[in-house]
Amino acid sequence: MQLYASYPTKIQKRRCEAEIARLAREDTERVEILDHALDRMQQRDITTRQVFRTLIDGELLGVTWDSDNEKGWRCKLRYMTAGIAVVVVAKLIERDESTCLVVTTWEG
């Protein structure tokens, strides 16, 4: 019996932070900001630029496996930008290629 059979085969937990940063820096069309995150960004005056800065340079606060909807690594990142700490929860999933879904944001 394989314990980690449901985990993605291409993306390893220890590589999540680097892969999210790479996507946000080099492959931005593979970063999707979900409607919920867009709503929270608007409510909290967080810009898309701040979200991308957090994805690229943010401190990784945690990585967990998430099997809701599309399976993938759920990552929480924090970055000081424009005088506030922005927290972004992003989910790294595999479709045809790696994709980063921005799930939600807040000031933290």
N, C-alpha and C. Protein backbone atom coordinates (compact mmCIF):
# COMPACT_ATOMS: atom_id res chain seq x y z
N MET A 1 0.84 -1.18 0.00
CA MET A 1 0.00 0.00 0.00
C MET A 1 0.88 1.24 0.00
N GLN A 2 0.60 2.18 -0.92
CA GLN A 2 1.34 3.43 -0.98
C GLN A 2 0.62 4.48 -0.15
N LEU A 3 1.30 5.01 0.83
CA LEU A 3 0.71 6.02 1.70
C LEU A 3 0.39 7.31 0.98
N TYR A 4 1.21 7.72 0.03
CA TYR A 4 1.06 9.02 -0.60
C TYR A 4 0.57 8.92 -2.03
N ALA A 5 -0.19 7.91 -2.34
CA ALA A 5 -0.65 7.70 -3.71
C ALA A 5 -1.50 8.85 -4.23
N SER A 6 -2.24 9.55 -3.35
CA SER A 6 -3.11 10.62 -3.81
C SER A 6 -2.38 11.96 -3.91
N TYR A 7 -1.12 12.04 -3.51
CA TYR A 7 -0.35 13.27 -3.61
C TYR A 7 0.10 13.44 -5.06
N PRO A 8 0.28 14.69 -5.50
CA PRO A 8 0.72 14.88 -6.88
C PRO A 8 2.10 14.29 -7.09
N THR A 9 2.32 13.79 -8.27
CA THR A 9 3.60 13.14 -8.54
C THR A 9 4.67 14.12 -8.98
N LYS A 10 4.30 15.23 -9.60
CA LYS A 10 5.29 16.17 -10.12
C LYS A 10 5.73 17.19 -9.07
N ILE A 11 4.85 17.58 -8.19
CA ILE A 11 5.15 18.65 -7.24
C ILE A 11 5.37 18.04 -5.86
N GLN A 12 6.54 18.22 -5.32
CA GLN A 12 6.83 17.73 -3.98
C GLN A 12 6.61 18.85 -2.98
N LYS A 13 6.21 18.51 -1.78
CA LYS A 13 5.91 19.49 -0.73
C LYS A 13 7.05 20.48 -0.55
N ARG A 14 8.25 19.99 -0.52
CA ARG A 14 9.41 20.87 -0.26
C ARG A 14 9.68 21.83 -1.41
N ARG A 15 9.07 21.63 -2.58
CA ARG A 15 9.28 22.48 -3.75
C ARG A 15 8.13 23.46 -3.99
N CYS A 16 7.11 23.43 -3.15
CA CYS A 16 5.93 24.27 -3.36
C CYS A 16 6.26 25.75 -3.41
N GLU A 17 7.01 26.23 -2.43
CA GLU A 17 7.32 27.65 -2.35
C GLU A 17 8.05 28.12 -3.62
N ALA A 18 9.03 27.36 -4.05
CA ALA A 18 9.80 27.72 -5.25
C ALA A 18 8.93 27.66 -6.50
N GLU A 19 8.05 26.69 -6.59
CA GLU A 19 7.19 26.56 -7.77
C GLU A 19 6.16 27.69 -7.83
N ILE A 20 5.59 28.07 -6.70
CA ILE A 20 4.65 29.19 -6.67
C ILE A 20 5.36 30.47 -7.09
N ALA A 21 6.55 30.71 -6.55
CA ALA A 21 7.32 31.91 -6.91
C ALA A 21 7.65 31.91 -8.40
N ARG A 22 8.03 30.76 -8.94
CA ARG A 22 8.35 30.66 -10.36
C ARG A 22 7.14 30.99 -11.23
N LEU A 23 5.99 30.42 -10.88
CA LEU A 23 4.78 30.69 -11.65
C LEU A 23 4.42 32.18 -11.60
N ALA A 24 4.48 32.77 -10.43
CA ALA A 24 4.12 34.18 -10.27
C ALA A 24 5.10 35.11 -10.98
N ARG A 25 6.33 34.69 -11.11
CA ARG A 25 7.38 35.50 -11.73
C ARG A 25 7.45 35.28 -13.24
N GLU A 26 7.34 34.02 -13.69
CA GLU A 26 7.66 33.69 -15.08
C GLU A 26 6.48 33.17 -15.90
N ASP A 27 5.44 32.72 -15.26
CA ASP A 27 4.36 32.02 -15.98
C ASP A 27 3.01 32.50 -15.44
N THR A 28 2.82 33.83 -15.45
CA THR A 28 1.69 34.44 -14.74
C THR A 28 0.32 33.96 -15.22
N GLU A 29 0.23 33.51 -16.46
CA GLU A 29 -1.06 33.02 -16.94
C GLU A 29 -1.48 31.73 -16.23
N ARG A 30 -0.58 31.09 -15.52
CA ARG A 30 -0.89 29.88 -14.77
C ARG A 30 -1.26 30.19 -13.31
N VAL A 31 -1.37 31.49 -12.99
CA VAL A 31 -1.83 31.92 -11.67
C VAL A 31 -3.26 32.41 -11.82
N GLU A 32 -4.18 31.75 -11.15
CA GLU A 32 -5.60 32.11 -11.22
C GLU A 32 -6.04 32.66 -9.87
N ILE A 33 -6.58 33.85 -9.88
CA ILE A 33 -7.12 34.43 -8.66
C ILE A 33 -8.61 34.13 -8.65
N LEU A 34 -9.03 33.29 -7.72
CA LEU A 34 -10.42 32.86 -7.66
C LEU A 34 -11.34 34.01 -7.24
N ASP A 35 -12.62 33.89 -7.58
CA ASP A 35 -13.60 34.94 -7.28
C ASP A 35 -13.61 35.30 -5.79
N HIS A 36 -13.54 34.31 -4.93
CA HIS A 36 -13.53 34.56 -3.49
C HIS A 36 -12.34 35.46 -3.11
N ALA A 37 -11.17 35.16 -3.67
CA ALA A 37 -9.98 35.96 -3.38
C ALA A 37 -10.14 37.38 -3.92
N LEU A 38 -10.71 37.52 -5.12
CA LEU A 38 -10.94 38.85 -5.68
C LEU A 38 -11.87 39.67 -4.79
N ASP A 39 -12.93 39.03 -4.28
CA ASP A 39 -13.85 39.71 -3.35
C ASP A 39 -13.10 40.18 -2.10
N ARG A 40 -12.28 39.30 -1.53
CA ARG A 40 -11.53 39.65 -0.32
C ARG A 40 -10.50 40.74 -0.59
N MET A 41 -9.87 40.68 -1.76
CA MET A 41 -8.91 41.71 -2.13
C MET A 41 -9.59 43.07 -2.19
N GLN A 42 -10.76 43.11 -2.80
CA GLN A 42 -11.50 44.37 -2.91
C GLN A 42 -11.92 44.87 -1.53
N GLN A 43 -12.45 43.98 -0.68
CA GLN A 43 -12.88 44.35 0.67
C GLN A 43 -11.73 44.88 1.50
N ARG A 44 -10.53 44.34 1.29
CA ARG A 44 -9.39 44.64 2.15
C ARG A 44 -8.36 45.55 1.50
N ASP A 45 -8.72 46.12 0.34
CA ASP A 45 -7.83 47.02 -0.40
C ASP A 45 -6.46 46.41 -0.65
N ILE A 46 -6.46 45.16 -1.09
CA ILE A 46 -5.23 44.46 -1.47
C ILE A 46 -5.18 44.40 -2.99
N THR A 47 -4.06 44.82 -3.56
CA THR A 47 -3.95 44.86 -5.02
C THR A 47 -3.40 43.55 -5.58
N THR A 48 -3.60 43.38 -6.87
CA THR A 48 -3.03 42.22 -7.55
C THR A 48 -1.51 42.24 -7.45
N ARG A 49 -0.93 43.43 -7.55
CA ARG A 49 0.52 43.55 -7.43
C ARG A 49 1.00 43.05 -6.06
N GLN A 50 0.28 43.38 -4.99
CA GLN A 50 0.64 42.92 -3.65
C GLN A 50 0.52 41.40 -3.55
N VAL A 51 -0.49 40.84 -4.17
CA VAL A 51 -0.66 39.39 -4.17
C VAL A 51 0.53 38.73 -4.86
N PHE A 52 0.90 39.24 -6.03
CA PHE A 52 2.02 38.65 -6.76
C PHE A 52 3.34 38.82 -6.01
N ARG A 53 3.55 39.98 -5.36
CA ARG A 53 4.76 40.16 -4.55
C ARG A 53 4.80 39.12 -3.43
N THR A 54 3.65 38.85 -2.84
CA THR A 54 3.58 37.86 -1.76
C THR A 54 3.88 36.47 -2.29
N LEU A 55 3.35 36.13 -3.46
CA LEU A 55 3.63 34.82 -4.06
C LEU A 55 5.11 34.66 -4.40
N ILE A 56 5.74 35.73 -4.85
CA ILE A 56 7.14 35.66 -5.28
C ILE A 56 8.10 35.71 -4.10
N ASP A 57 7.90 36.64 -3.18
CA ASP A 57 8.88 36.90 -2.12
C ASP A 57 8.38 36.60 -0.71
N GLY A 58 7.17 36.10 -0.59
CA GLY A 58 6.58 35.89 0.72
C GLY A 58 7.24 34.79 1.54
N GLU A 59 7.06 34.92 2.84
CA GLU A 59 7.53 33.90 3.79
C GLU A 59 6.49 32.78 3.84
N LEU A 60 6.92 31.57 3.65
CA LEU A 60 6.02 30.42 3.70
C LEU A 60 5.66 30.12 5.16
N LEU A 61 4.38 30.19 5.48
CA LEU A 61 3.93 29.95 6.85
C LEU A 61 3.45 28.52 7.05
N GLY A 62 3.11 27.84 5.98
CA GLY A 62 2.65 26.46 6.12
C GLY A 62 2.23 25.86 4.79
N VAL A 63 2.35 24.54 4.71
CA VAL A 63 1.94 23.78 3.53
C VAL A 63 1.16 22.57 4.02
N THR A 64 -0.04 22.38 3.49
CA THR A 64 -0.84 21.21 3.83
C THR A 64 -1.43 20.62 2.55
N TRP A 65 -1.72 19.35 2.59
CA TRP A 65 -2.36 18.68 1.46
C TRP A 65 -3.85 18.99 1.53
N ASP A 66 -4.45 19.35 0.41
CA ASP A 66 -5.87 19.71 0.35
C ASP A 66 -6.50 18.92 -0.79
N SER A 67 -7.53 18.15 -0.47
CA SER A 67 -8.19 17.36 -1.51
C SER A 67 -9.58 17.90 -1.86
N ASP A 68 -9.92 19.12 -1.38
CA ASP A 68 -11.18 19.74 -1.78
C ASP A 68 -11.10 20.13 -3.25
N ASN A 69 -12.16 19.85 -3.99
CA ASN A 69 -12.22 20.13 -5.43
C ASN A 69 -11.01 19.54 -6.13
N GLU A 70 -10.06 20.35 -6.54
CA GLU A 70 -8.85 19.84 -7.17
C GLU A 70 -7.79 19.58 -6.10
N LYS A 71 -7.17 18.44 -6.17
CA LYS A 71 -6.15 18.08 -5.18
C LYS A 71 -4.88 18.88 -5.39
N GLY A 72 -4.25 19.26 -4.26
CA GLY A 72 -3.00 20.00 -4.37
C GLY A 72 -2.50 20.48 -3.03
N TRP A 73 -1.37 21.17 -3.06
CA TRP A 73 -0.74 21.70 -1.86
C TRP A 73 -1.28 23.09 -1.57
N ARG A 74 -1.84 23.27 -0.39
CA ARG A 74 -2.38 24.56 0.05
C ARG A 74 -1.29 25.26 0.86
N CYS A 75 -0.88 26.42 0.38
CA CYS A 75 0.26 27.14 0.96
C CYS A 75 -0.20 28.50 1.47
N LYS A 76 0.30 28.85 2.64
CA LYS A 76 0.01 30.15 3.24
C LYS A 76 1.31 30.95 3.25
N LEU A 77 1.27 32.15 2.65
CA LEU A 77 2.45 32.99 2.53
C LEU A 77 2.14 34.39 3.07
N ARG A 78 3.16 35.04 3.62
CA ARG A 78 3.00 36.40 4.16
C ARG A 78 4.15 37.26 3.66
N TYR A 79 3.80 38.53 3.34
CA TYR A 79 4.83 39.46 2.86
C TYR A 79 4.44 40.87 3.26
N MET A 80 5.42 41.64 3.72
CA MET A 80 5.21 43.05 4.05
C MET A 80 5.27 43.86 2.75
N THR A 81 4.20 44.54 2.42
CA THR A 81 4.15 45.34 1.21
C THR A 81 3.28 46.56 1.46
N ALA A 82 3.75 47.70 1.03
CA ALA A 82 3.03 48.97 1.20
C ALA A 82 2.64 49.21 2.66
N GLY A 83 3.51 48.79 3.56
CA GLY A 83 3.29 49.04 4.98
C GLY A 83 2.35 48.10 5.69
N ILE A 84 1.87 47.08 4.99
CA ILE A 84 0.99 46.09 5.64
C ILE A 84 1.49 44.68 5.36
N ALA A 85 1.15 43.78 6.25
CA ALA A 85 1.48 42.37 6.02
C ALA A 85 0.31 41.75 5.26
N VAL A 86 0.59 41.30 4.07
CA VAL A 86 -0.44 40.64 3.25
C VAL A 86 -0.25 39.14 3.37
N VAL A 87 -1.34 38.44 3.63
CA VAL A 87 -1.32 36.98 3.70
C VAL A 87 -2.12 36.45 2.51
N VAL A 88 -1.53 35.50 1.82
CA VAL A 88 -2.17 34.88 0.66
C VAL A 88 -2.21 33.38 0.88
N VAL A 89 -3.37 32.79 0.66
CA VAL A 89 -3.47 31.34 0.65
C VAL A 89 -3.61 30.93 -0.82
N ALA A 90 -2.67 30.12 -1.25
CA ALA A 90 -2.63 29.67 -2.64
C ALA A 90 -2.60 28.15 -2.67
N LYS A 91 -3.18 27.59 -3.68
CA LYS A 91 -3.20 26.14 -3.83
C LYS A 91 -2.47 25.78 -5.11
N LEU A 92 -1.45 24.96 -4.98
CA LEU A 92 -0.64 24.53 -6.11
C LEU A 92 -1.19 23.19 -6.58
N ILE A 93 -1.71 23.19 -7.79
CA ILE A 93 -2.34 21.98 -8.33
C ILE A 93 -1.67 21.60 -9.64
N GLU A 94 -1.98 20.41 -10.12
CA GLU A 94 -1.50 19.95 -11.42
C GLU A 94 -2.69 19.78 -12.34
N ARG A 95 -2.61 20.43 -13.45
CA ARG A 95 -3.54 20.18 -14.55
C ARG A 95 -2.67 19.60 -15.65
N ASP A 96 -2.60 20.25 -16.79
CA ASP A 96 -1.61 19.82 -17.79
C ASP A 96 -0.22 20.21 -17.32
N GLU A 97 -0.16 21.37 -16.64
CA GLU A 97 1.08 21.87 -16.04
C GLU A 97 0.74 22.36 -14.65
N SER A 98 1.75 22.78 -13.91
CA SER A 98 1.50 23.34 -12.58
C SER A 98 0.64 24.59 -12.71
N THR A 99 -0.30 24.73 -11.77
CA THR A 99 -1.16 25.90 -11.73
C THR A 99 -1.27 26.34 -10.28
N CYS A 100 -1.23 27.65 -10.07
CA CYS A 100 -1.37 28.21 -8.74
C CYS A 100 -2.73 28.91 -8.65
N LEU A 101 -3.57 28.48 -7.74
CA LEU A 101 -4.86 29.10 -7.52
C LEU A 101 -4.77 29.96 -6.27
N VAL A 102 -5.03 31.25 -6.38
CA VAL A 102 -5.07 32.11 -5.22
C VAL A 102 -6.45 31.96 -4.62
N VAL A 103 -6.50 31.42 -3.40
CA VAL A 103 -7.77 31.06 -2.76
C VAL A 103 -8.34 32.23 -1.98
N THR A 104 -7.54 32.90 -1.17
CA THR A 104 -8.01 34.04 -0.38
C THR A 104 -6.84 34.90 0.05
N THR A 105 -7.17 36.09 0.53
CA THR A 105 -6.15 37.03 1.01
C THR A 105 -6.68 37.78 2.23
N TRP A 106 -5.77 38.27 3.04
CA TRP A 106 -6.13 39.15 4.15
C TRP A 106 -4.90 39.86 4.65
N GLU A 107 -5.11 40.85 5.50
CA GLU A 107 -3.99 41.53 6.15
C GLU A 107 -3.68 40.78 7.43
N GLY A 108 -2.42 40.52 7.66
CA GLY A 108 -2.07 39.74 8.83
C GLY A 108 -0.82 40.19 9.40
